[in-house]
Structure formats: structure tokens, C-alpha cells
Amino acid sequence: MGFVFADETGIKSRPALVISADKYHAGRQEVIIAAITSNVKRVLLGDHIVSQWQESGLLHPSVVTGVIRTVKQPMVQRRLGTMTVNDMQNVDTNLSTVLGLQQG
């Protein structure tokens, strides 16, 4: 998937995790994604080190970051794989924390 860097200086093809639901996609031309990086040495609040990265179709050890954005559906070039249930639950928890959605 290609998306613009945070400083908007360029575009590079990068993996991303689609975090929006199919119902969302049905009524919109956009997809909500979380960025994925292979920089596993830098883990910040909201980030999750993917424990089963190979099973998920990723090419390298990776981190799903707390960096989320909305992109147009045509920007999604191809599907690499599917995040495992365990990793997806951890991503959900981390994103809930970042977005202030956790109860308590």
C-alpha cells in the first residue's frame, strides 16, 4: 500500500493493517489503516510487535503502530495476509488505549 509520509515529502509502498470494518467500506470510498513498520527496536505507546508476523503474511518482523489514517480504497494495492487472532486482539487493545476508548 502506498501512502504519504507524515511530513508529506513522498510516497513509498508500505504494509498497513486495515482496521476499518467491511460495513464501513460498503458505504465509503475510504479504508482506515494502521501503519506497519519493520523497525522493531522502537516501540511506542499504541504499538504492537507482531508475534506471528510470518503467519500474517509479513516479510519481516514487524510492528503495527499507533499511527492511523484514512486512505482511498484504490490505494490498497494487494493483500499480504491476515493478522492472527491473538495479534489482532493486542492491536485492538493498543488502539483503544491510544484513542481513549477503554472503560475505566
PDB file of N, CA and C in Angstrom:
ATOM      1  N   MET A   1       0.850  -1.163   0.000  1.00  0.00           N
ATOM      2  CA  MET A   1       0.000   0.000   0.000  1.00  0.00           C
ATOM      3  C   MET A   1       0.896   1.226   0.000  1.00  0.00           C
ATOM      4  N   GLY A   2       0.631   2.187  -0.815  1.00  0.00           N
ATOM      5  CA  GLY A   2       1.393   3.423  -0.811  1.00  0.00           C
ATOM      6  C   GLY A   2       0.664   4.490  -0.028  1.00  0.00           C
ATOM      7  N   PHE A   3       1.368   5.169   0.817  1.00  0.00           N
ATOM      8  CA  PHE A   3       0.748   6.302   1.490  1.00  0.00           C
ATOM      9  C   PHE A   3       1.792   7.364   1.751  1.00  0.00           C
ATOM     10  N   VAL A   4       1.333   8.587   1.965  1.00  0.00           N
ATOM     11  CA  VAL A   4       2.218   9.725   2.140  1.00  0.00           C
ATOM     12  C   VAL A   4       2.846   9.677   3.525  1.00  0.00           C
ATOM     13  N   PHE A   5       4.146   9.962   3.609  1.00  0.00           N
ATOM     14  CA  PHE A   5       4.819  10.046   4.897  1.00  0.00           C
ATOM     15  C   PHE A   5       4.198  11.146   5.748  1.00  0.00           C
ATOM     16  N   ALA A   6       4.385  11.088   7.044  1.00  0.00           N
ATOM     17  CA  ALA A   6       3.800  12.066   7.960  1.00  0.00           C
ATOM     18  C   ALA A   6       4.190  13.500   7.598  1.00  0.00           C
ATOM     19  N   ASP A   7       5.416  13.684   7.096  1.00  0.00           N
ATOM     20  CA  ASP A   7       5.840  15.035   6.722  1.00  0.00           C
ATOM     21  C   ASP A   7       5.448  15.385   5.286  1.00  0.00           C
ATOM     22  N   GLU A   8       4.719  14.453   4.627  1.00  0.00           N
ATOM     23  CA  GLU A   8       4.178  14.630   3.279  1.00  0.00           C
ATOM     24  C   GLU A   8       5.238  14.938   2.225  1.00  0.00           C
ATOM     25  N   THR A   9       6.443  14.356   2.394  1.00  0.00           N
ATOM     26  CA  THR A   9       7.519  14.608   1.439  1.00  0.00           C
ATOM     27  C   THR A   9       7.595  13.548   0.358  1.00  0.00           C
ATOM     28  N   GLY A  10       6.891  12.449   0.512  1.00  0.00           N
ATOM     29  CA  GLY A  10       6.980  11.424  -0.509  1.00  0.00           C
ATOM     30  C   GLY A  10       6.037  10.275  -0.260  1.00  0.00           C
ATOM     31  N   ILE A  11       5.991   9.369  -1.216  1.00  0.00           N
ATOM     32  CA  ILE A  11       5.141   8.192  -1.119  1.00  0.00           C
ATOM     33  C   ILE A  11       6.022   6.959  -1.290  1.00  0.00           C
ATOM     34  N   LYS A  12       5.789   5.964  -0.470  1.00  0.00           N
ATOM     35  CA  LYS A  12       6.532   4.722  -0.552  1.00  0.00           C
ATOM     36  C   LYS A  12       5.554   3.583  -0.277  1.00  0.00           C
ATOM     37  N   SER A  13       5.699   2.508  -0.985  1.00  0.00           N
ATOM     38  CA  SER A  13       4.835   1.362  -0.769  1.00  0.00           C
ATOM     39  C   SER A  13       5.176   0.726   0.575  1.00  0.00           C
ATOM     40  N   ARG A  14       4.179   0.599   1.430  1.00  0.00           N
ATOM     41  CA  ARG A  14       4.375   0.079   2.781  1.00  0.00           C
ATOM     42  C   ARG A  14       3.224  -0.839   3.154  1.00  0.00           C
ATOM     43  N   PRO A  15       3.483  -1.822   4.000  1.00  0.00           N
ATOM     44  CA  PRO A  15       2.362  -2.618   4.506  1.00  0.00           C
ATOM     45  C   PRO A  15       1.566  -1.813   5.526  1.00  0.00           C
ATOM     46  N   ALA A  16       0.298  -2.123   5.615  1.00  0.00           N
ATOM     47  CA  ALA A  16      -0.574  -1.480   6.599  1.00  0.00           C
ATOM     48  C   ALA A  16      -1.645  -2.484   6.987  1.00  0.00           C
ATOM     49  N   LEU A  17      -2.194  -2.296   8.164  1.00  0.00           N
ATOM     50  CA  LEU A  17      -3.269  -3.152   8.647  1.00  0.00           C
ATOM     51  C   LEU A  17      -4.581  -2.411   8.478  1.00  0.00           C
ATOM     52  N   VAL A  18      -5.509  -2.999   7.737  1.00  0.00           N
ATOM     53  CA  VAL A  18      -6.839  -2.402   7.604  1.00  0.00           C
ATOM     54  C   VAL A  18      -7.565  -2.634   8.919  1.00  0.00           C
ATOM     55  N   ILE A  19      -7.982  -1.544   9.574  1.00  0.00           N
ATOM     56  CA  ILE A  19      -8.645  -1.663  10.873  1.00  0.00           C
ATOM     57  C   ILE A  19     -10.125  -1.281  10.800  1.00  0.00           C
ATOM     58  N   SER A  20     -10.577  -0.811   9.653  1.00  0.00           N
ATOM     59  CA  SER A  20     -11.998  -0.498   9.498  1.00  0.00           C
ATOM     60  C   SER A  20     -12.751  -1.759   9.078  1.00  0.00           C
ATOM     61  N   ALA A  21     -14.060  -1.761   9.369  1.00  0.00           N
ATOM     62  CA  ALA A  21     -14.905  -2.926   9.120  1.00  0.00           C
ATOM     63  C   ALA A  21     -15.474  -2.930   7.705  1.00  0.00           C
ATOM     64  N   ASP A  22     -15.886  -4.113   7.265  1.00  0.00           N
ATOM     65  CA  ASP A  22     -16.494  -4.252   5.944  1.00  0.00           C
ATOM     66  C   ASP A  22     -17.717  -3.349   5.793  1.00  0.00           C
ATOM     67  N   LYS A  23     -18.515  -3.189   6.857  1.00  0.00           N
ATOM     68  CA  LYS A  23     -19.689  -2.308   6.796  1.00  0.00           C
ATOM     69  C   LYS A  23     -19.272  -0.869   6.500  1.00  0.00           C
ATOM     70  N   TYR A  24     -18.159  -0.457   7.062  1.00  0.00           N
ATOM     71  CA  TYR A  24     -17.619   0.887   6.809  1.00  0.00           C
ATOM     72  C   TYR A  24     -17.250   1.024   5.338  1.00  0.00           C
ATOM     73  N   HIS A  25     -16.606   0.014   4.782  1.00  0.00           N
ATOM     74  CA  HIS A  25     -16.150   0.043   3.386  1.00  0.00           C
ATOM     75  C   HIS A  25     -17.323   0.067   2.412  1.00  0.00           C
ATOM     76  N   ALA A  26     -18.424  -0.566   2.785  1.00  0.00           N
ATOM     77  CA  ALA A  26     -19.574  -0.655   1.883  1.00  0.00           C
ATOM     78  C   ALA A  26     -20.161   0.719   1.568  1.00  0.00           C
ATOM     79  N   GLY A  27     -20.098   1.629   2.524  1.00  0.00           N
ATOM     80  CA  GLY A  27     -20.709   2.938   2.322  1.00  0.00           C
ATOM     81  C   GLY A  27     -19.735   4.053   2.029  1.00  0.00           C
ATOM     82  N   ARG A  28     -18.460   3.737   1.962  1.00  0.00           N
ATOM     83  CA  ARG A  28     -17.439   4.763   1.765  1.00  0.00           C
ATOM     84  C   ARG A  28     -16.414   4.336   0.725  1.00  0.00           C
ATOM     85  N   GLN A  29     -15.651   5.287   0.265  1.00  0.00           N
ATOM     86  CA  GLN A  29     -14.576   5.006  -0.675  1.00  0.00           C
ATOM     87  C   GLN A  29     -13.232   4.951   0.041  1.00  0.00           C
ATOM     88  N   GLU A  30     -13.252   4.986   1.371  1.00  0.00           N
ATOM     89  CA  GLU A  30     -12.028   5.015   2.157  1.00  0.00           C
ATOM     90  C   GLU A  30     -11.864   3.747   2.987  1.00  0.00           C
ATOM     91  N   VAL A  31     -10.635   3.564   3.471  1.00  0.00           N
ATOM     92  CA  VAL A  31     -10.262   2.480   4.366  1.00  0.00           C
ATOM     93  C   VAL A  31      -9.451   3.105   5.490  1.00  0.00           C
ATOM     94  N   ILE A  32      -9.680   2.670   6.720  1.00  0.00           N
ATOM     95  CA  ILE A  32      -8.877   3.149   7.849  1.00  0.00           C
ATOM     96  C   ILE A  32      -7.777   2.126   8.096  1.00  0.00           C
ATOM     97  N   ILE A  33      -6.527   2.607   8.154  1.00  0.00           N
ATOM     98  CA  ILE A  33      -5.378   1.713   8.292  1.00  0.00           C
ATOM     99  C   ILE A  33      -4.506   2.111   9.490  1.00  0.00           C
ATOM    100  N   ALA A  34      -3.759   1.137   9.975  1.00  0.00           N
ATOM    101  CA  ALA A  34      -2.689   1.384  10.938  1.00  0.00           C
ATOM    102  C   ALA A  34      -1.390   1.051  10.223  1.00  0.00           C
ATOM    103  N   ALA A  35      -0.415   1.926  10.337  1.00  0.00           N
ATOM    104  CA  ALA A  35       0.872   1.716   9.673  1.00  0.00           C
ATOM    105  C   ALA A  35       1.606   0.526  10.282  1.00  0.00           C
ATOM    106  N   ILE A  36       2.356  -0.159   9.448  1.00  0.00           N
ATOM    107  CA  ILE A  36       3.208  -1.271   9.892  1.00  0.00           C
ATOM    108  C   ILE A  36       4.645  -0.914   9.531  1.00  0.00           C
ATOM    109  N   THR A  37       5.560  -1.144  10.475  1.00  0.00           N
ATOM    110  CA  THR A  37       6.980  -0.877  10.248  1.00  0.00           C
ATOM    111  C   THR A  37       7.799  -2.104  10.612  1.00  0.00           C
ATOM    112  N   SER A  38       8.953  -2.228   9.986  1.00  0.00           N
ATOM    113  CA  SER A  38       9.867  -3.318  10.341  1.00  0.00           C
ATOM    114  C   SER A  38      10.870  -2.870  11.410  1.00  0.00           C
ATOM    115  N   ASN A  39      10.746  -1.627  11.875  1.00  0.00           N
ATOM    116  CA  ASN A  39      11.627  -1.129  12.936  1.00  0.00           C
ATOM    117  C   ASN A  39      11.103  -1.617  14.290  1.00  0.00           C
ATOM    118  N   VAL A  40      11.527  -2.818  14.681  1.00  0.00           N
ATOM    119  CA  VAL A  40      11.043  -3.416  15.928  1.00  0.00           C
ATOM    120  C   VAL A  40      11.826  -2.938  17.151  1.00  0.00           C
ATOM    121  N   LYS A  41      12.822  -2.106  16.935  1.00  0.00           N
ATOM    122  CA  LYS A  41      13.612  -1.577  18.052  1.00  0.00           C
ATOM    123  C   LYS A  41      12.945  -0.380  18.711  1.00  0.00           C
ATOM    124  N   ARG A  42      12.016   0.242  18.006  1.00  0.00           N
ATOM    125  CA  ARG A  42      11.351   1.445  18.531  1.00  0.00           C
ATOM    126  C   ARG A  42       9.861   1.152  18.676  1.00  0.00           C
ATOM    127  N   VAL A  43       9.429   0.908  19.909  1.00  0.00           N
ATOM    128  CA  VAL A  43       8.027   0.607  20.182  1.00  0.00           C
ATOM    129  C   VAL A  43       7.493   1.691  21.113  1.00  0.00           C
ATOM    130  N   LEU A  44       6.469   2.388  20.646  1.00  0.00           N
ATOM    131  CA  LEU A  44       5.880   3.495  21.389  1.00  0.00           C
ATOM    132  C   LEU A  44       4.474   3.128  21.859  1.00  0.00           C
ATOM    133  N   LEU A  45       3.870   3.988  22.657  1.00  0.00           N
ATOM    134  CA  LEU A  45       2.510   3.775  23.128  1.00  0.00           C
ATOM    135  C   LEU A  45       1.592   3.537  21.927  1.00  0.00           C
ATOM    136  N   GLY A  46       0.815   2.479  21.974  1.00  0.00           N
ATOM    137  CA  GLY A  46      -0.102   2.155  20.894  1.00  0.00           C
ATOM    138  C   GLY A  46       0.464   1.182  19.882  1.00  0.00           C
ATOM    139  N   ASP A  47       1.758   0.905  19.948  1.00  0.00           N
ATOM    140  CA  ASP A  47       2.401  -0.013  19.016  1.00  0.00           C
ATOM    141  C   ASP A  47       2.298  -1.457  19.519  1.00  0.00           C
ATOM    142  N   HIS A  48       2.300  -2.396  18.594  1.00  0.00           N
ATOM    143  CA  HIS A  48       2.278  -3.818  18.945  1.00  0.00           C
ATOM    144  C   HIS A  48       3.277  -4.568  18.079  1.00  0.00           C
ATOM    145  N   ILE A  49       4.218  -5.263  18.712  1.00  0.00           N
ATOM    146  CA  ILE A  49       5.143  -6.131  17.979  1.00  0.00           C
ATOM    147  C   ILE A  49       4.363  -7.371  17.563  1.00  0.00           C
ATOM    148  N   VAL A  50       4.300  -7.620  16.280  1.00  0.00           N
ATOM    149  CA  VAL A  50       3.537  -8.751  15.746  1.00  0.00           C
ATOM    150  C   VAL A  50       4.289 -10.041  16.075  1.00  0.00           C
ATOM    151  N   SER A  51       3.692 -10.856  16.941  1.00  0.00           N
ATOM    152  CA  SER A  51       4.377 -12.080  17.370  1.00  0.00           C
ATOM    153  C   SER A  51       4.359 -13.149  16.287  1.00  0.00           C
ATOM    154  N   GLN A  52       3.319 -13.185  15.478  1.00  0.00           N
ATOM    155  CA  GLN A  52       3.217 -14.188  14.419  1.00  0.00           C
ATOM    156  C   GLN A  52       3.262 -13.494  13.058  1.00  0.00           C
ATOM    157  N   TRP A  53       4.361 -12.786  12.827  1.00  0.00           N
ATOM    158  CA  TRP A  53       4.469 -11.969  11.617  1.00  0.00           C
ATOM    159  C   TRP A  53       4.492 -12.810  10.345  1.00  0.00           C
ATOM    160  N   GLN A  54       5.147 -13.974  10.374  1.00  0.00           N
ATOM    161  CA  GLN A  54       5.200 -14.821   9.176  1.00  0.00           C
ATOM    162  C   GLN A  54       3.825 -15.389   8.844  1.00  0.00           C
ATOM    163  N   GLU A  55       3.101 -15.826   9.876  1.00  0.00           N
ATOM    164  CA  GLU A  55       1.756 -16.363   9.681  1.00  0.00           C
ATOM    165  C   GLU A  55       0.810 -15.291   9.148  1.00  0.00           C
ATOM    166  N   SER A  56       1.119 -14.038   9.435  1.00  0.00           N
ATOM    167  CA  SER A  56       0.287 -12.915   8.989  1.00  0.00           C
ATOM    168  C   SER A  56       0.603 -12.475   7.566  1.00  0.00           C
ATOM    169  N   GLY A  57       1.639 -13.055   6.972  1.00  0.00           N
ATOM    170  CA  GLY A  57       1.999 -12.710   5.599  1.00  0.00           C
ATOM    171  C   GLY A  57       3.006 -11.583   5.480  1.00  0.00           C
ATOM    172  N   LEU A  58       3.553 -11.139   6.620  1.00  0.00           N
ATOM    173  CA  LEU A  58       4.559 -10.074   6.584  1.00  0.00           C
ATOM    174  C   LEU A  58       5.916 -10.655   6.197  1.00  0.00           C
ATOM    175  N   LEU A  59       6.728  -9.836   5.576  1.00  0.00           N
ATOM    176  CA  LEU A  59       8.023 -10.303   5.078  1.00  0.00           C
ATOM    177  C   LEU A  59       9.139 -10.217   6.107  1.00  0.00           C
ATOM    178  N   HIS A  60       8.933  -9.417   7.163  1.00  0.00           N
ATOM    179  CA  HIS A  60       9.959  -9.184   8.186  1.00  0.00           C
ATOM    180  C   HIS A  60       9.284  -9.059   9.547  1.00  0.00           C
ATOM    181  N   PRO A  61      10.050  -9.265  10.645  1.00  0.00           N
ATOM    182  CA  PRO A  61       9.494  -8.939  11.953  1.00  0.00           C
ATOM    183  C   PRO A  61       8.965  -7.501  11.908  1.00  0.00           C
ATOM    184  N   SER A  62       7.782  -7.289  12.457  1.00  0.00           N
ATOM    185  CA  SER A  62       7.119  -6.000  12.258  1.00  0.00           C
ATOM    186  C   SER A  62       6.371  -5.520  13.483  1.00  0.00           C
ATOM    187  N   VAL A  63       6.049  -4.229  13.455  1.00  0.00           N
ATOM    188  CA  VAL A  63       5.265  -3.576  14.492  1.00  0.00           C
ATOM    189  C   VAL A  63       4.072  -2.893  13.830  1.00  0.00           C
ATOM    190  N   VAL A  64       2.863  -3.171  14.349  1.00  0.00           N
ATOM    191  CA  VAL A  64       1.698  -2.386  13.957  1.00  0.00           C
ATOM    192  C   VAL A  64       1.726  -1.162  14.854  1.00  0.00           C
ATOM    193  N   THR A  65       1.790   0.005  14.249  1.00  0.00           N
ATOM    194  CA  THR A  65       1.951   1.225  15.030  1.00  0.00           C
ATOM    195  C   THR A  65       0.610   1.837  15.410  1.00  0.00           C
ATOM    196  N   GLY A  66       0.675   2.766  16.336  1.00  0.00           N
ATOM    197  CA  GLY A  66      -0.498   3.540  16.724  1.00  0.00           C
ATOM    198  C   GLY A  66      -0.775   4.672  15.758  1.00  0.00           C
ATOM    199  N   VAL A  67      -0.092   4.685  14.629  1.00  0.00           N
ATOM    200  CA  VAL A  67      -0.294   5.714  13.607  1.00  0.00           C
ATOM    201  C   VAL A  67      -1.410   5.237  12.683  1.00  0.00           C
ATOM    202  N   ILE A  68      -2.559   5.913  12.746  1.00  0.00           N
ATOM    203  CA  ILE A  68      -3.691   5.529  11.913  1.00  0.00           C
ATOM    204  C   ILE A  68      -4.046   6.662  10.967  1.00  0.00           C
ATOM    205  N   ARG A  69      -4.603   6.281   9.830  1.00  0.00           N
ATOM    206  CA  ARG A  69      -5.031   7.279   8.852  1.00  0.00           C
ATOM    207  C   ARG A  69      -6.083   6.670   7.941  1.00  0.00           C
ATOM    208  N   THR A  70      -6.753   7.528   7.225  1.00  0.00           N
ATOM    209  CA  THR A  70      -7.754   7.103   6.258  1.00  0.00           C
ATOM    210  C   THR A  70      -7.177   7.298   4.862  1.00  0.00           C
ATOM    211  N   VAL A  71      -7.309   6.273   4.023  1.00  0.00           N
ATOM    212  CA  VAL A  71      -6.827   6.347   2.642  1.00  0.00           C
ATOM    213  C   VAL A  71      -7.955   5.900   1.715  1.00  0.00           C
ATOM    214  N   LYS A  72      -7.872   6.267   0.461  1.00  0.00           N
ATOM    215  CA  LYS A  72      -8.843   5.829  -0.543  1.00  0.00           C
ATOM    216  C   LYS A  72      -8.662   4.338  -0.815  1.00  0.00           C
ATOM    217  N   GLN A  73      -9.755   3.620  -1.021  1.00  0.00           N
ATOM    218  CA  GLN A  73      -9.676   2.179  -1.266  1.00  0.00           C
ATOM    219  C   GLN A  73      -8.732   1.806  -2.407  1.00  0.00           C
ATOM    220  N   PRO A  74      -8.685   2.578  -3.512  1.00  0.00           N
ATOM    221  CA  PRO A  74      -7.760   2.202  -4.596  1.00  0.00           C
ATOM    222  C   PRO A  74      -6.279   2.256  -4.210  1.00  0.00           C
ATOM    223  N   MET A  75      -5.941   2.904  -3.088  1.00  0.00           N
ATOM    224  CA  MET A  75      -4.554   2.944  -2.644  1.00  0.00           C
ATOM    225  C   MET A  75      -4.092   1.591  -2.099  1.00  0.00           C
ATOM    226  N   VAL A  76      -5.041   0.736  -1.751  1.00  0.00           N
ATOM    227  CA  VAL A  76      -4.700  -0.607  -1.279  1.00  0.00           C
ATOM    228  C   VAL A  76      -4.345  -1.430  -2.510  1.00  0.00           C
ATOM    229  N   GLN A  77      -3.063  -1.775  -2.618  1.00  0.00           N
ATOM    230  CA  GLN A  77      -2.575  -2.442  -3.824  1.00  0.00           C
ATOM    231  C   GLN A  77      -2.814  -3.940  -3.820  1.00  0.00           C
ATOM    232  N   ARG A  78      -2.610  -4.583  -2.668  1.00  0.00           N
ATOM    233  CA  ARG A  78      -2.813  -6.027  -2.597  1.00  0.00           C
ATOM    234  C   ARG A  78      -2.877  -6.456  -1.136  1.00  0.00           C
ATOM    235  N   ARG A  79      -3.336  -7.661  -0.947  1.00  0.00           N
ATOM    236  CA  ARG A  79      -3.450  -8.238   0.391  1.00  0.00           C
ATOM    237  C   ARG A  79      -2.255  -9.154   0.624  1.00  0.00           C
ATOM    238  N   LEU A  80      -1.512  -8.895   1.703  1.00  0.00           N
ATOM    239  CA  LEU A  80      -0.362  -9.743   2.037  1.00  0.00           C
ATOM    240  C   LEU A  80      -0.782 -10.968   2.825  1.00  0.00           C
ATOM    241  N   GLY A  81      -1.791 -10.821   3.664  1.00  0.00           N
ATOM    242  CA  GLY A  81      -2.217 -11.912   4.521  1.00  0.00           C
ATOM    243  C   GLY A  81      -3.260 -11.435   5.504  1.00  0.00           C
ATOM    244  N   THR A  82      -3.393 -12.183   6.590  1.00  0.00           N
ATOM    245  CA  THR A  82      -4.378 -11.884   7.622  1.00  0.00           C
ATOM    246  C   THR A  82      -3.700 -11.939   8.982  1.00  0.00           C
ATOM    247  N   MET A  83      -3.936 -10.936   9.799  1.00  0.00           N
ATOM    248  CA  MET A  83      -3.376 -10.891  11.149  1.00  0.00           C
ATOM    249  C   MET A  83      -3.998 -12.014  11.986  1.00  0.00           C
ATOM    250  N   THR A  84      -3.201 -12.683  12.795  1.00  0.00           N
ATOM    251  CA  THR A  84      -3.726 -13.753  13.654  1.00  0.00           C
ATOM    252  C   THR A  84      -4.648 -13.150  14.707  1.00  0.00           C
ATOM    253  N   VAL A  85      -5.514 -13.985  15.253  1.00  0.00           N
ATOM    254  CA  VAL A  85      -6.484 -13.530  16.252  1.00  0.00           C
ATOM    255  C   VAL A  85      -5.771 -12.919  17.461  1.00  0.00           C
ATOM    256  N   ASN A  86      -4.733 -13.585  17.951  1.00  0.00           N
ATOM    257  CA  ASN A  86      -4.004 -13.091  19.123  1.00  0.00           C
ATOM    258  C   ASN A  86      -3.381 -11.721  18.854  1.00  0.00           C
ATOM    259  N   ASP A  87      -2.700 -11.582  17.719  1.00  0.00           N
ATOM    260  CA  ASP A  87      -2.093 -10.289  17.397  1.00  0.00           C
ATOM    261  C   ASP A  87      -3.163  -9.219  17.194  1.00  0.00           C
ATOM    262  N   MET A  88      -4.281  -9.568  16.555  1.00  0.00           N
ATOM    263  CA  MET A  88      -5.334  -8.591  16.308  1.00  0.00           C
ATOM    264  C   MET A  88      -5.960  -8.124  17.616  1.00  0.00           C
ATOM    265  N   GLN A  89      -6.131  -9.017  18.582  1.00  0.00           N
ATOM    266  CA  GLN A  89      -6.665  -8.624  19.887  1.00  0.00           C
ATOM    267  C   GLN A  89      -5.739  -7.619  20.570  1.00  0.00           C
ATOM    268  N   ASN A  90      -4.425  -7.840  20.459  1.00  0.00           N
ATOM    269  CA  ASN A  90      -3.464  -6.908  21.039  1.00  0.00           C
ATOM    270  C   ASN A  90      -3.493  -5.557  20.324  1.00  0.00           C
ATOM    271  N   VAL A  91      -3.620  -5.580  19.004  1.00  0.00           N
ATOM    272  CA  VAL A  91      -3.730  -4.328  18.240  1.00  0.00           C
ATOM    273  C   VAL A  91      -4.984  -3.583  18.690  1.00  0.00           C
ATOM    274  N   ASP A  92      -6.109  -4.286  18.808  1.00  0.00           N
ATOM    275  CA  ASP A  92      -7.364  -3.664  19.252  1.00  0.00           C
ATOM    276  C   ASP A  92      -7.195  -2.981  20.611  1.00  0.00           C
ATOM    277  N   THR A  93      -6.575  -3.681  21.541  1.00  0.00           N
ATOM    278  CA  THR A  93      -6.360  -3.132  22.885  1.00  0.00           C
ATOM    279  C   THR A  93      -5.497  -1.883  22.830  1.00  0.00           C
ATOM    280  N   ASN A  94      -4.402  -1.951  22.077  1.00  0.00           N
ATOM    281  CA  ASN A  94      -3.490  -0.807  21.985  1.00  0.00           C
ATOM    282  C   ASN A  94      -4.151   0.396  21.320  1.00  0.00           C
ATOM    283  N   LEU A  95      -4.901   0.169  20.245  1.00  0.00           N
ATOM    284  CA  LEU A  95      -5.574   1.281  19.584  1.00  0.00           C
ATOM    285  C   LEU A  95      -6.673   1.867  20.460  1.00  0.00           C
ATOM    286  N   SER A  96      -7.359   1.024  21.238  1.00  0.00           N
ATOM    287  CA  SER A  96      -8.363   1.527  22.174  1.00  0.00           C
ATOM    288  C   SER A  96      -7.724   2.447  23.209  1.00  0.00           C
ATOM    289  N   THR A  97      -6.528   2.087  23.661  1.00  0.00           N
ATOM    290  CA  THR A  97      -5.803   2.927  24.615  1.00  0.00           C
ATOM    291  C   THR A  97      -5.450   4.269  23.986  1.00  0.00           C
ATOM    292  N   VAL A  98      -4.893   4.232  22.768  1.00  0.00           N
ATOM    293  CA  VAL A  98      -4.477   5.444  22.081  1.00  0.00           C
ATOM    294  C   VAL A  98      -5.665   6.378  21.824  1.00  0.00           C
ATOM    295  N   LEU A  99      -6.807   5.790  21.481  1.00  0.00           N
ATOM    296  CA  LEU A  99      -7.978   6.594  21.143  1.00  0.00           C
ATOM    297  C   LEU A  99      -8.838   6.932  22.365  1.00  0.00           C
ATOM    298  N   GLY A 100      -8.435   6.459  23.535  1.00  0.00           N
ATOM    299  CA  GLY A 100      -9.168   6.758  24.752  1.00  0.00           C
ATOM    300  C   GLY A 100     -10.522   6.048  24.826  1.00  0.00           C
ATOM    301  N   LEU A 101     -10.616   4.846  24.245  1.00  0.00           N
ATOM    302  CA  LEU A 101     -11.883   4.126  24.177  1.00  0.00           C
ATOM    303  C   LEU A 101     -12.039   3.082  25.280  1.00  0.00           C
ATOM    304  N   GLN A 102     -10.994   2.856  26.067  1.00  0.00           N
ATOM    305  CA  GLN A 102     -11.092   1.844  27.119  1.00  0.00           C
ATOM    306  C   GLN A 102     -11.902   2.378  28.287  1.00  0.00           C
ATOM    307  N   GLN A 103     -12.713   1.508  28.849  1.00  0.00           N
ATOM    308  CA  GLN A 103     -13.511   1.846  30.017  1.00  0.00           C
ATOM    309  C   GLN A 103     -12.641   1.775  31.271  1.00  0.00           C
ATOM    310  N   GLY A 104     -12.883   2.656  32.194  1.00  0.00           N
ATOM    311  CA  GLY A 104     -12.206   2.568  33.480  1.00  0.00           C
ATOM    312  C   GLY A 104     -11.088   3.505  33.595  1.00  0.00           C
TER     313      GLY A 104
END
